[in-house]
Amino acid sequence: MIRRDFLQSAMGGMAVALPLGLAAQPVHADVHGGRHAAPQAGWLNVRTFGATGDGATIDTPAVNRAIEAAAAQGGGTVWFPAGTYACYTIRLKSHVGLHLDHGATILAASVPDGGTTTGGYDAAGPKQPWEAYQDFGHNHWANSLIYGEGLEDISITGMGLIWGKGLSRGEGDELPLAESAGVANKAIALKNCHNVTIQNISMLAGGHFAILLTGVDNVLLDGLKIDTNRDGIDIDCCRNVRVSNCAVNSPWDDAICPKSSFALGYARTTEYVTITNCYVTGAYEYGTMLDGTYKKATYNEVRKAVGRIKCGTESNGGFRNITISNCILDQCRGFALETVDGARIEDITVTNITLRGVVHSPIFLRLGRRMRGPAGVKPGVLRRVLISNISSYEAVAQYPSIISGIPGSFVEDMKISDVYMHQVGGGSAEWAGIEPPQNELGYPEADMFGTLPATGFFLRHARNIEFSNVEIATAKPDARPAIWADDVDGLDCFRLRVARGSAAFALRSVKQFRNFGSMSSKDVSEEFVDSKRI
C-alpha cells in the first residue's frame, strides 16, 4: 500500500494499514548487521528491546525499556527503523532522543471500551485548584502518546510519522472521553523542560494538541509537517522558542498558537519567540495535506476554518518580544493577538505575511476583560506592535481587520505599514450604519461584534495608531468606509488608498487626527472630531 493510501485510510477510521509495504517486512530484531542494525554507533534499536513494529502488538514496554537504557548510559538516541509501532504513553528521559527512520510510524493505539484503569495511556494526574482557568487538555500532560516533564536535552527527529489515531480530540462528544482513565488527548506533551528539539517529523491527527509545550525553554521546532484534527503547535508559558519551516493544516482549530495560561499554577510570560517561514491553513480535510490530495474541507456558517497563527486565547502571563515573519495563512482565520485575562502583550513584530481567502478578520488585535484567572487581576495591556508588508486577498466581507480595546483600557502604539487589504465587499448601507456591541466579557474572536461597519479597519478604544502606505480594496462596491474609528486618541494616516467612490473614514470621538498624502481623500488635520465621514 502506498503512503497516500495509508493516510487516506486514516481518515476513514479503518483498521491499521501499514505504509510503504511494511506488512511484508520482517518484524524480528536483527542487531548483527542486518537490515535493522542501528545506522550510527551508540544508537539503541527499539527492536533489540522487543518492539515488533507490526502495527498491532503494543510496543510501549519495549520502547520505554530502550529509553531507560539510553538514559542509564548517560544519554543516547533511541532508533525506530521502518515499521509501525503501536504504543500507549512513551515516557521520555533527559539526554535521550527519539529518531524515526523513513517508513517508521509511532501509532497512538486505541483504548478498548473508551477507557480503562488497568491499561492504555498514563493517567492525566490529579486536578489542581487552577484548572478552571484553562481547558482540561492544558492542565494535564501525562495522558499523551509521548510525554516528558522536568527534562533537559531531549529530541524527536527523523523523517517518520507520528499518527495519533487512538487519541481523543477533547471536544464536543469526545470531551467526556478525553477525561476518562487510560485515554490520551495529546500526541506530544512536555512540561517544565529545557533544550528541546523536534525536527523534520510528520504528524497526523494529533488529538487536542499535536504538540503541547508548557513551561518549556530553549526550543527548536523545525521542518515539521502537521496535518491534524485540532490544535497543531501550542507554545504555552515558554521562553526562547524558534518555529521555522513548518507546514500545519488544522481545519478545526489553531495551527501555531503561543499561549500564556495559568496551567503551571502561576502566570508566566511567553517571550523571545520567533515564527518564520511557515505555512498554515484550515482549508483541507486533515490528512490530505500529508498525502498530497489537498481535499477541501467543508464548513458551514456556524463553524468556519481555523488553521491560523494566534497569540491567545489563554492570556494570563502575557506575550513579549515575539517576531512572526515570512509566513503564509491560507483559507483560514487571520493573525490574532489577544489579551483578555489580564496579561501584557508588548513588543511584537509581524512582517512579510501573505493571507488568502481569510474567513474572519485578516488582523485581529483584542484587549478584553474575560478575566478567566485568579480574582483581583485588572485588564491587560496591548501595545507596541509593528505590522508591515502584509498582503491579504479575498477576505470575507463581514469582518475587516480589528483593533479594539474596551472603555478605559486602550490598545496603543500600533504602526501598520505597507499593507494591501482586499476583501470581497458588497456591504450595504445598512451594514455601514451598524452600532457594534462592546462585548467586553466575550470570548475573543473576530465575529464577537457581528458584522462591522468598515471594509478595512475597525478601530475602537485605541491610542496612537499609525497607518502608512495602506490600501483597502474590495471586489464589489461597498457602502462602508475603509476605516471606522470610535474613541481613538491619535490616528495618523499617510498615503491611504481606498476604492474609488468609497469613503475613507467614519470618525467619532477621535482626537489628534491627521490624514495626508492620499490620492483618495483630501489632507486634513484636526485636534478633535466629534463625528464626521470623510
Protein backbone atom coordinates (compact mmCIF):
# COMPACT_ATOMS: atom_id res chain seq x y z
CA MET A 1 0.00 0.00 0.00
CA ILE A 2 1.46 3.35 -0.95
CA ARG A 3 1.74 6.12 1.63
CA ARG A 4 -1.15 8.07 0.13
CA ASP A 5 -3.49 5.11 0.60
CA PHE A 6 -2.24 4.71 4.13
CA LEU A 7 -3.10 8.27 5.03
CA GLN A 8 -6.47 8.12 3.31
CA SER A 9 -7.35 5.05 5.33
CA ALA A 10 -6.66 7.10 8.45
CA MET A 11 -9.42 9.46 7.50
CA GLY A 12 -11.94 6.68 7.25
CA GLY A 13 -11.15 5.18 10.64
CA MET A 14 -10.25 1.83 9.09
CA ALA A 15 -8.06 -0.81 10.68
CA VAL A 16 -4.32 -0.13 10.76
CA ALA A 17 -2.80 -0.04 7.28
CA LEU A 18 0.97 -0.09 7.17
CA PRO A 19 2.71 2.48 4.95
CA LEU A 20 5.31 1.75 2.33
CA GLY A 21 4.72 -2.00 2.24
CA LEU A 22 5.66 -2.63 5.84
CA ALA A 23 3.27 -5.54 6.20
CA ALA A 24 5.66 -7.63 4.15
CA GLN A 25 8.72 -6.71 6.19
CA PRO A 26 10.11 -8.91 8.97
CA VAL A 27 9.24 -7.82 12.48
CA HIS A 28 12.16 -9.52 14.24
CA ALA A 29 15.14 -7.54 15.52
CA ASP A 30 18.36 -8.01 13.61
CA VAL A 31 21.18 -6.45 15.64
CA HIS A 32 24.07 -8.21 13.89
CA GLY A 33 24.48 -6.07 10.80
CA GLY A 34 21.16 -6.90 9.13
CA ARG A 35 18.51 -4.55 7.80
CA HIS A 36 17.53 -3.33 11.29
CA ALA A 37 21.02 -2.62 12.60
CA ALA A 38 21.37 0.90 14.05
CA PRO A 39 22.74 3.32 11.44
CA GLN A 40 25.06 5.01 13.93
CA ALA A 41 27.18 3.62 16.72
CA GLY A 42 25.58 4.06 20.12
CA TRP A 43 22.01 4.23 18.78
CA LEU A 44 19.59 1.86 20.51
CA ASN A 45 17.25 -0.06 18.23
CA VAL A 46 13.77 -0.47 19.73
CA ARG A 47 13.53 -3.91 18.10
CA THR A 48 16.51 -5.02 20.15
CA PHE A 49 14.37 -4.38 23.23
CA GLY A 50 11.42 -6.38 21.90
CA ALA A 51 9.45 -3.98 19.69
CA THR A 52 7.78 -5.71 16.75
CA GLY A 53 6.74 -2.80 14.53
CA ASP A 54 3.83 -4.85 13.20
CA GLY A 55 1.17 -2.19 13.89
CA ALA A 56 -0.86 -4.49 16.15
CA THR A 57 1.34 -5.55 19.07
CA ILE A 58 1.60 -2.89 21.79
CA ASP A 59 5.28 -1.90 21.64
CA THR A 60 5.26 0.59 24.53
CA PRO A 61 7.12 -1.63 27.04
CA ALA A 62 9.93 -2.23 24.56
CA VAL A 63 10.18 1.44 23.60
CA ASN A 64 10.30 2.57 27.22
CA ARG A 65 12.94 -0.06 28.02
CA ALA A 66 15.09 1.34 25.21
CA ILE A 67 14.65 4.89 26.55
CA GLU A 68 15.56 3.81 30.07
CA ALA A 69 18.64 2.01 28.79
CA ALA A 70 19.77 5.10 26.91
CA ALA A 71 19.27 7.26 29.98
CA ALA A 72 21.16 4.75 32.17
CA GLN A 73 24.23 5.04 29.96
CA GLY A 74 24.16 8.83 30.25
CA GLY A 75 22.13 9.52 27.13
CA GLY A 76 21.74 8.42 23.55
CA THR A 77 19.39 8.05 20.60
CA VAL A 78 16.55 5.53 20.50
CA TRP A 79 16.05 4.48 16.89
CA PHE A 80 12.79 3.38 15.25
CA PRO A 81 13.57 1.54 11.99
CA ALA A 82 10.85 1.17 9.36
CA GLY A 83 7.69 -0.31 10.87
CA THR A 84 4.52 0.73 12.67
CA TYR A 85 4.90 0.80 16.45
CA ALA A 86 1.54 0.77 18.23
CA CYS A 87 2.05 2.46 21.58
CA TYR A 88 0.46 3.94 24.64
CA THR A 89 2.41 6.52 26.68
CA ILE A 90 6.08 6.78 25.76
CA ARG A 91 7.99 8.35 28.66
CA LEU A 92 10.93 10.50 27.65
CA LYS A 93 14.10 10.85 29.72
CA SER A 94 16.75 13.58 29.89
CA HIS A 95 19.61 13.39 27.36
CA VAL A 96 17.67 10.97 25.17
CA GLY A 97 16.39 11.50 21.65
CA LEU A 98 13.90 9.54 19.55
CA HIS A 99 14.75 9.13 15.87
CA LEU A 100 12.11 7.91 13.41
CA ASP A 101 13.59 6.48 10.24
CA HIS A 102 11.97 6.73 6.82
CA GLY A 103 8.94 4.44 6.90
CA ALA A 104 8.73 4.42 10.70
CA THR A 105 5.41 5.27 12.34
CA ILE A 106 4.62 5.67 16.03
CA LEU A 107 0.92 4.86 16.18
CA ALA A 108 -1.27 6.00 19.08
CA ALA A 109 -3.09 2.77 19.89
CA SER A 110 -6.82 2.77 20.52
CA VAL A 111 -8.13 2.21 24.04
CA PRO A 112 -10.74 -0.58 24.31
CA ASP A 113 -14.20 0.35 25.55
CA GLY A 114 -13.45 4.08 25.75
CA GLY A 115 -11.09 3.95 28.71
CA THR A 116 -9.74 1.64 31.36
CA THR A 117 -7.97 1.97 34.69
CA THR A 118 -5.78 -1.07 34.08
CA GLY A 119 -4.40 -0.33 30.62
CA GLY A 120 -3.98 2.30 27.97
CA TYR A 121 -2.27 5.65 28.44
CA ASP A 122 -0.87 7.13 31.62
CA ALA A 123 -3.39 8.81 33.90
CA ALA A 124 -3.96 12.52 33.47
CA GLY A 125 -2.97 13.16 37.09
CA PRO A 126 -4.71 14.89 39.99
CA LYS A 127 -6.76 18.01 39.48
CA GLN A 128 -5.34 21.34 40.64
CA PRO A 129 -7.16 24.37 42.11
CA TRP A 130 -6.45 26.48 39.00
CA GLU A 131 -7.87 24.06 36.42
CA ALA A 132 -10.93 26.22 35.77
CA TYR A 133 -8.72 28.85 34.15
CA GLN A 134 -7.98 26.78 31.02
CA ASP A 135 -9.22 23.73 29.11
CA PHE A 136 -8.79 20.23 30.56
CA GLY A 137 -6.15 19.41 27.98
CA HIS A 138 -3.96 22.31 29.10
CA ASN A 139 -3.93 21.12 32.72
CA HIS A 140 -2.53 17.61 32.17
CA TRP A 141 0.44 16.22 30.26
CA ALA A 142 0.96 12.56 31.17
CA ASN A 143 -2.17 11.46 29.27
CA SER A 144 -0.30 11.68 25.98
CA LEU A 145 1.34 9.48 23.40
CA ILE A 146 4.79 10.99 24.07
CA TYR A 147 5.33 12.69 27.44
CA GLY A 148 8.10 14.36 29.39
CA GLU A 149 8.28 16.55 32.49
CA GLY A 150 11.25 18.26 34.15
CA LEU A 151 13.65 17.05 31.46
CA GLU A 152 16.61 18.53 29.62
CA ASP A 153 18.37 17.89 26.33
CA ILE A 154 15.71 15.87 24.52
CA SER A 155 14.77 15.50 20.87
CA ILE A 156 12.35 13.88 18.45
CA THR A 157 13.77 13.78 14.93
CA GLY A 158 13.75 11.90 11.64
CA MET A 159 11.58 11.53 8.56
CA GLY A 160 8.99 9.22 10.12
CA LEU A 161 5.38 9.76 11.16
CA ILE A 162 3.57 10.16 14.47
CA TRP A 163 -0.05 9.10 13.93
CA GLY A 164 -2.43 9.93 16.77
CA LYS A 165 -5.19 7.62 15.58
CA GLY A 166 -6.22 6.49 19.08
CA LEU A 167 -6.17 9.98 20.65
CA SER A 168 -9.22 11.93 21.75
CA ARG A 169 -9.82 15.40 20.30
CA GLY A 170 -11.17 16.52 23.67
CA GLU A 171 -14.07 18.42 22.15
CA GLY A 172 -17.81 18.05 21.76
CA ASP A 173 -18.96 14.44 22.01
CA GLU A 174 -15.39 13.36 22.78
CA LEU A 175 -14.98 15.65 25.80
CA PRO A 176 -16.08 13.06 28.42
CA LEU A 177 -13.83 10.51 26.71
CA ALA A 178 -10.84 12.87 26.99
CA GLU A 179 -11.14 12.80 30.77
CA SER A 180 -11.58 9.02 31.04
CA ALA A 181 -8.94 6.84 32.67
CA GLY A 182 -6.48 5.38 30.19
CA VAL A 183 -7.38 7.84 27.41
CA ALA A 184 -4.91 10.33 25.91
CA ASN A 185 -5.65 13.56 24.06
CA LYS A 186 -2.17 14.81 23.03
CA ALA A 187 0.48 13.45 20.69
CA ILE A 188 3.50 15.18 22.29
CA ALA A 189 3.27 16.95 25.67
CA LEU A 190 6.22 18.47 27.53
CA LYS A 191 6.14 20.36 30.82
CA ASN A 192 8.93 22.31 32.55
CA CYS A 193 11.66 21.11 30.21
CA HIS A 194 14.56 22.87 28.52
CA ASN A 195 16.78 22.32 25.50
CA VAL A 196 14.24 20.61 23.24
CA THR A 197 14.46 19.85 19.51
CA ILE A 198 11.62 18.46 17.38
CA GLN A 199 12.67 18.32 13.75
CA ASN A 200 11.54 17.04 10.34
CA ILE A 201 8.90 14.56 11.52
CA SER A 202 5.36 14.37 10.14
CA MET A 203 2.30 14.24 12.39
CA LEU A 204 -1.20 13.06 11.58
CA ALA A 205 -4.31 13.51 13.77
CA GLY A 206 -2.68 14.79 16.97
CA GLY A 207 -5.78 14.90 19.18
CA HIS A 208 -6.45 18.06 21.19
CA PHE A 209 -2.81 19.09 20.72
CA ALA A 210 -0.33 17.65 18.25
CA ILE A 211 2.41 19.39 20.24
CA LEU A 212 1.82 21.00 23.66
CA LEU A 213 4.78 22.73 25.31
CA THR A 214 4.16 24.24 28.75
CA GLY A 215 6.95 25.98 30.65
CA VAL A 216 9.48 24.73 28.10
CA ASP A 217 12.56 26.87 27.28
CA ASN A 218 15.19 26.80 24.54
CA VAL A 219 13.11 25.07 21.87
CA LEU A 220 13.67 24.38 18.18
CA LEU A 221 10.70 23.23 16.11
CA ASP A 222 11.85 22.93 12.52
CA GLY A 223 10.71 21.30 9.30
CA LEU A 224 7.55 19.77 10.79
CA LYS A 225 4.57 18.69 8.68
CA ILE A 226 1.47 18.56 10.87
CA ASP A 227 -1.92 17.52 9.50
CA THR A 228 -4.23 17.40 12.45
CA ASN A 229 -7.78 17.31 13.73
CA ARG A 230 -7.39 20.07 16.33
CA ASP A 231 -4.50 22.32 17.52
CA GLY A 232 -1.17 21.99 15.77
CA ILE A 233 1.54 23.61 17.93
CA ASP A 234 0.76 25.22 21.30
CA ILE A 235 3.62 27.16 22.93
CA ASP A 236 2.40 27.91 26.45
CA CYS A 237 4.41 29.83 29.07
CA CYS A 238 7.61 29.20 27.12
CA ARG A 239 10.82 31.16 26.57
CA ASN A 240 13.28 31.23 23.66
CA VAL A 241 11.34 29.26 21.07
CA ARG A 242 12.13 29.07 17.36
CA VAL A 243 9.46 27.73 14.99
CA SER A 244 10.67 27.54 11.41
CA ASN A 245 9.92 25.88 8.08
CA CYS A 246 6.76 24.16 9.33
CA ALA A 247 3.53 23.35 7.48
CA VAL A 248 0.38 22.94 9.56
CA ASN A 249 -3.09 22.03 8.30
CA SER A 250 -5.57 22.29 11.18
CA PRO A 251 -9.07 22.89 9.83
CA TRP A 252 -10.81 22.61 13.20
CA ASP A 253 -8.53 24.63 15.47
CA ASP A 254 -5.41 26.81 15.59
CA ALA A 255 -2.26 25.91 13.69
CA ILE A 256 0.54 27.69 15.59
CA CYS A 257 -0.61 29.15 18.87
CA PRO A 258 1.54 30.84 21.53
CA LYS A 259 -0.38 30.93 24.81
CA SER A 260 0.26 32.05 28.38
CA SER A 261 -2.17 30.12 30.56
CA PHE A 262 -2.28 29.58 34.33
CA ALA A 263 -1.67 25.84 33.89
CA LEU A 264 1.60 25.92 35.85
CA GLY A 265 -0.21 27.39 38.85
CA TYR A 266 1.19 30.86 38.24
CA ALA A 267 1.29 33.40 35.42
CA ARG A 268 4.38 33.01 33.21
CA THR A 269 5.13 35.13 30.15
CA THR A 270 5.68 33.57 26.74
CA GLU A 271 8.62 35.50 25.32
CA TYR A 272 11.54 35.51 22.90
CA VAL A 273 9.61 33.59 20.25
CA THR A 274 10.26 33.61 16.51
CA ILE A 275 7.88 32.05 14.00
CA THR A 276 9.25 32.14 10.45
CA ASN A 277 8.93 30.54 7.02
CA CYS A 278 5.76 28.65 7.94
CA TYR A 279 2.62 27.71 6.03
CA VAL A 280 -0.65 27.38 7.95
CA THR A 281 -4.08 26.54 6.61
CA GLY A 282 -7.56 25.41 7.56
CA ALA A 283 -8.60 24.66 4.02
CA TYR A 284 -8.18 20.91 3.75
CA GLU A 285 -9.51 17.77 5.36
CA TYR A 286 -6.90 16.68 7.83
CA GLY A 287 -4.59 14.08 6.36
CA THR A 288 -4.90 15.38 2.81
CA MET A 289 -2.01 17.80 3.07
CA LEU A 290 0.29 14.92 4.01
CA ASP A 291 -0.98 12.57 1.33
CA GLY A 292 -0.84 15.30 -1.33
CA THR A 293 -4.52 15.20 -2.34
CA TYR A 294 -5.45 18.52 -0.66
CA LYS A 295 -9.14 17.67 -0.41
CA LYS A 296 -11.16 20.73 0.53
CA ALA A 297 -12.75 20.67 3.96
CA THR A 298 -16.44 21.51 4.21
CA TYR A 299 -17.79 24.08 6.65
CA ASN A 300 -21.00 25.87 7.48
CA GLU A 301 -21.89 29.35 8.71
CA VAL A 302 -21.53 28.26 12.33
CA ARG A 303 -18.17 26.53 12.09
CA LYS A 304 -15.58 28.07 9.76
CA ALA A 305 -11.99 27.10 9.10
CA VAL A 306 -9.42 27.97 11.78
CA GLY A 307 -5.83 26.99 10.94
CA ARG A 308 -4.18 30.32 11.83
CA ILE A 309 -1.36 31.84 13.89
CA LYS A 310 -2.73 33.24 17.15
CA CYS A 311 -1.34 34.53 20.45
CA GLY A 312 -4.12 33.64 22.92
CA THR A 313 -6.78 32.76 23.92
CA GLU A 314 -5.21 31.78 27.25
CA SER A 315 -3.51 35.04 28.27
CA ASN A 316 -2.70 35.14 31.97
CA GLY A 317 1.07 35.56 31.72
CA GLY A 318 1.30 37.65 28.56
CA PHE A 319 3.41 37.78 25.43
CA ARG A 320 6.59 39.78 24.94
CA ASN A 321 9.35 40.09 22.34
CA ILE A 322 7.82 37.98 19.59
CA THR A 323 8.59 38.12 15.86
CA ILE A 324 6.43 36.50 13.18
CA SER A 325 7.77 36.71 9.63
CA ASN A 326 7.66 35.19 6.15
CA CYS A 327 4.52 33.14 6.74
CA ILE A 328 1.52 32.19 4.59
CA LEU A 329 -2.01 31.95 6.03
CA ASP A 330 -4.20 30.14 3.52
CA GLN A 331 -8.01 29.98 3.68
CA CYS A 332 -8.16 30.19 7.44
CA ARG A 333 -8.80 32.79 10.12
CA GLY A 334 -6.40 35.71 10.25
CA PHE A 335 -3.50 36.55 12.50
CA ALA A 336 -4.58 37.32 16.10
CA LEU A 337 -3.15 38.91 19.24
CA GLU A 338 -5.44 38.57 22.27
CA THR A 339 -5.21 39.60 25.90
CA VAL A 340 -8.46 39.05 27.74
CA ASP A 341 -7.28 37.61 31.08
CA GLY A 342 -5.17 40.49 32.38
CA ALA A 343 -1.91 39.86 30.54
CA ARG A 344 0.52 42.27 28.91
CA ILE A 345 1.20 41.96 25.20
CA GLU A 346 4.05 44.20 24.07
CA ASP A 347 6.92 44.45 21.62
CA ILE A 348 5.52 42.29 18.81
CA THR A 349 6.68 42.47 15.19
CA VAL A 350 4.72 40.90 12.33
CA THR A 351 6.18 41.24 8.83
CA ASN A 352 6.12 39.67 5.37
CA ILE A 353 2.83 37.82 5.73
CA THR A 354 0.57 36.63 2.90
CA LEU A 355 -3.08 35.85 3.64
CA ARG A 356 -5.52 34.40 1.13
CA GLY A 357 -9.23 33.67 1.49
CA VAL A 358 -9.38 34.70 5.17
CA VAL A 359 -12.72 33.70 6.70
CA HIS A 360 -12.54 36.15 9.63
CA SER A 361 -10.56 39.36 10.18
CA PRO A 362 -7.15 39.37 8.47
CA ILE A 363 -5.70 41.09 11.57
CA PHE A 364 -7.39 40.80 14.97
CA LEU A 365 -5.93 42.70 17.94
CA ARG A 366 -8.12 42.48 21.02
CA LEU A 367 -7.85 43.71 24.58
CA GLY A 368 -10.86 42.49 26.61
CA ARG A 369 -11.80 41.54 30.13
CA ARG A 370 -12.99 37.96 30.14
CA MET A 371 -10.68 37.56 33.19
CA ARG A 372 -10.51 33.78 33.31
CA GLY A 373 -7.93 33.57 36.08
CA PRO A 374 -7.30 34.50 39.73
CA ALA A 375 -9.54 37.21 41.18
CA GLY A 376 -8.34 40.76 41.51
CA VAL A 377 -6.40 41.00 38.24
CA LYS A 378 -7.01 44.12 36.15
CA PRO A 379 -7.48 44.18 32.36
CA GLY A 380 -4.23 43.77 30.48
CA VAL A 381 -2.11 45.86 28.13
CA LEU A 382 -1.71 45.57 24.35
CA ARG A 383 0.92 47.91 22.95
CA ARG A 384 3.97 48.41 20.76
CA VAL A 385 3.00 46.22 17.83
CA LEU A 386 4.57 46.73 14.38
CA ILE A 387 2.80 45.18 11.38
CA SER A 388 4.34 45.59 7.93
CA ASN A 389 4.48 44.10 4.44
CA ILE A 390 1.13 42.34 4.60
CA SER A 391 -0.82 41.15 1.58
CA SER A 392 -4.36 39.90 2.17
CA TYR A 393 -6.53 38.82 -0.75
CA GLU A 394 -10.25 37.97 -0.87
CA ALA A 395 -11.05 38.14 2.82
CA VAL A 396 -14.64 37.67 3.90
CA ALA A 397 -16.81 40.80 3.67
CA GLN A 398 -18.33 40.98 7.15
CA TYR A 399 -15.16 41.34 9.20
CA PRO A 400 -12.46 43.92 8.47
CA SER A 401 -9.27 43.94 10.48
CA ILE A 402 -9.99 44.80 14.12
CA ILE A 403 -8.01 46.82 16.67
CA SER A 404 -10.20 47.06 19.74
CA GLY A 405 -9.80 47.67 23.44
CA ILE A 406 -12.53 48.35 25.99
CA PRO A 407 -13.67 51.58 27.67
CA GLY A 408 -10.82 52.79 29.87
CA SER A 409 -8.28 50.25 28.53
CA PHE A 410 -6.80 51.21 25.18
CA VAL A 411 -4.86 49.25 22.59
CA GLU A 412 -1.93 51.57 21.94
CA ASP A 413 1.20 52.30 19.93
CA MET A 414 0.41 50.42 16.72
CA LYS A 415 2.31 51.02 13.47
CA ILE A 416 0.83 49.43 10.34
CA SER A 417 2.71 49.96 7.07
CA ASP A 418 2.97 48.68 3.50
CA VAL A 419 -0.28 46.73 3.64
CA TYR A 420 -2.70 45.64 0.91
CA MET A 421 -6.10 44.55 2.17
CA HIS A 422 -8.51 43.12 -0.39
CA GLN A 423 -11.96 41.97 0.74
CA VAL A 424 -14.95 40.51 -1.04
CA GLY A 425 -17.01 43.66 -0.35
CA GLY A 426 -20.64 44.17 -1.21
CA GLY A 427 -21.52 45.71 2.14
CA SER A 428 -24.81 47.60 2.26
CA ALA A 429 -25.74 50.99 3.66
CA GLU A 430 -27.38 49.05 6.49
CA TRP A 431 -24.03 47.49 7.33
CA ALA A 432 -22.45 50.93 7.30
CA GLY A 433 -24.90 52.07 9.99
CA ILE A 434 -24.35 49.17 12.39
CA GLU A 435 -23.51 50.01 16.01
CA PRO A 436 -21.37 47.06 17.17
CA PRO A 437 -21.75 45.85 20.78
CA GLN A 438 -18.85 46.26 23.22
CA ASN A 439 -18.92 42.60 24.35
CA GLU A 440 -16.20 43.28 26.93
CA LEU A 441 -16.52 39.84 28.57
CA GLY A 442 -16.77 37.81 25.40
CA TYR A 443 -14.53 35.10 24.04
CA PRO A 444 -12.07 36.89 21.73
CA GLU A 445 -12.91 36.08 18.14
CA ALA A 446 -13.37 38.22 15.04
CA ASP A 447 -17.11 37.58 14.90
CA MET A 448 -17.66 38.68 18.53
CA PHE A 449 -19.03 42.06 17.41
CA GLY A 450 -21.04 40.73 14.48
CA THR A 451 -20.87 42.32 11.04
CA LEU A 452 -18.83 45.54 11.23
CA PRO A 453 -19.29 48.97 9.61
CA ALA A 454 -15.89 49.13 7.84
CA THR A 455 -14.18 47.46 4.90
CA GLY A 456 -10.57 47.78 6.03
CA PHE A 457 -10.06 48.52 9.73
CA PHE A 458 -12.40 48.75 12.70
CA LEU A 459 -10.77 50.82 15.49
CA ARG A 460 -12.23 51.32 18.94
CA HIS A 461 -10.72 52.32 22.29
CA ALA A 462 -7.25 52.81 20.84
CA ARG A 463 -4.39 55.27 21.20
CA ASN A 464 -1.53 56.27 18.89
CA ILE A 465 -2.42 54.33 15.75
CA GLU A 466 -0.35 54.98 12.64
CA PHE A 467 -1.09 53.83 9.08
CA SER A 468 1.45 54.26 6.29
CA ASN A 469 1.12 53.09 2.67
CA VAL A 470 -2.06 51.11 3.28
CA GLU A 471 -4.51 50.20 0.52
CA ILE A 472 -8.06 49.00 1.15
CA ALA A 473 -9.69 47.32 -1.86
CA THR A 474 -12.96 45.48 -2.41
CA ALA A 475 -14.01 43.12 -5.19
CA LYS A 476 -17.55 44.57 -5.13
CA PRO A 477 -18.67 48.12 -4.35
CA ASP A 478 -19.16 48.58 -0.61
CA ALA A 479 -21.11 51.29 1.21
CA ARG A 480 -18.90 51.20 4.28
CA PRO A 481 -15.87 53.42 4.91
CA ALA A 482 -12.36 51.97 4.74
CA ILE A 483 -11.58 52.91 8.35
CA TRP A 484 -14.17 53.23 11.14
CA ALA A 485 -12.82 54.77 14.35
CA ASP A 486 -14.50 55.43 17.70
CA ASP A 487 -12.82 56.66 20.90
CA VAL A 488 -9.37 56.87 19.34
CA ASP A 489 -6.67 59.21 20.66
CA GLY A 490 -4.12 59.76 17.91
CA LEU A 491 -4.89 58.47 14.40
CA ASP A 492 -2.22 59.34 11.84
CA CYS A 493 -2.60 58.17 8.24
CA PHE A 494 -0.15 58.65 5.37
CA ARG A 495 -0.83 57.64 1.76
CA LEU A 496 -4.02 55.74 2.48
CA ARG A 497 -5.66 54.44 -0.68
CA VAL A 498 -9.28 53.32 -0.86
CA ALA A 499 -11.58 52.13 -3.63
CA ARG A 500 -12.81 54.84 -5.99
CA GLY A 501 -16.10 56.30 -4.78
CA SER A 502 -15.71 54.88 -1.25
CA ALA A 503 -15.43 56.90 1.93
CA ALA A 504 -12.06 56.78 3.61
CA PHE A 505 -13.13 57.40 7.23
CA ALA A 506 -16.07 57.36 9.60
CA LEU A 507 -14.82 59.12 12.76
CA ARG A 508 -16.41 59.51 16.15
CA SER A 509 -14.76 60.91 19.29
CA VAL A 510 -11.33 60.93 17.64
CA LYS A 511 -8.52 63.16 18.97
CA GLN A 512 -5.37 64.19 17.13
CA PHE A 513 -6.49 63.04 13.69
CA ARG A 514 -4.39 63.54 10.57
CA ASN A 515 -4.69 62.24 7.01
CA PHE A 516 -2.23 63.34 4.34
CA GLY A 517 -0.65 62.26 1.07
CA SER A 518 -3.70 60.30 -0.07
CA MET A 519 -4.97 60.36 -3.65
CA SER A 520 -8.33 59.09 -2.41
CA SER A 521 -9.12 61.82 0.13
CA LYS A 522 -8.03 65.34 0.98
CA ASP A 523 -5.38 66.25 3.53
CA VAL A 524 -6.89 67.07 6.90
CA SER A 525 -5.61 67.63 10.42
CA GLU A 526 -7.95 68.10 13.37
CA GLU A 527 -7.49 68.22 17.14
CA PHE A 528 -10.86 66.63 17.78
CA VAL A 529 -13.55 65.08 15.61
CA ASP A 530 -16.91 64.58 17.26
CA SER A 531 -18.49 62.83 14.30
CA LYS A 532 -17.52 63.02 10.64
CA ARG A 533 -17.39 60.97 7.46
CA ILE A 534 -14.50 61.76 5.11
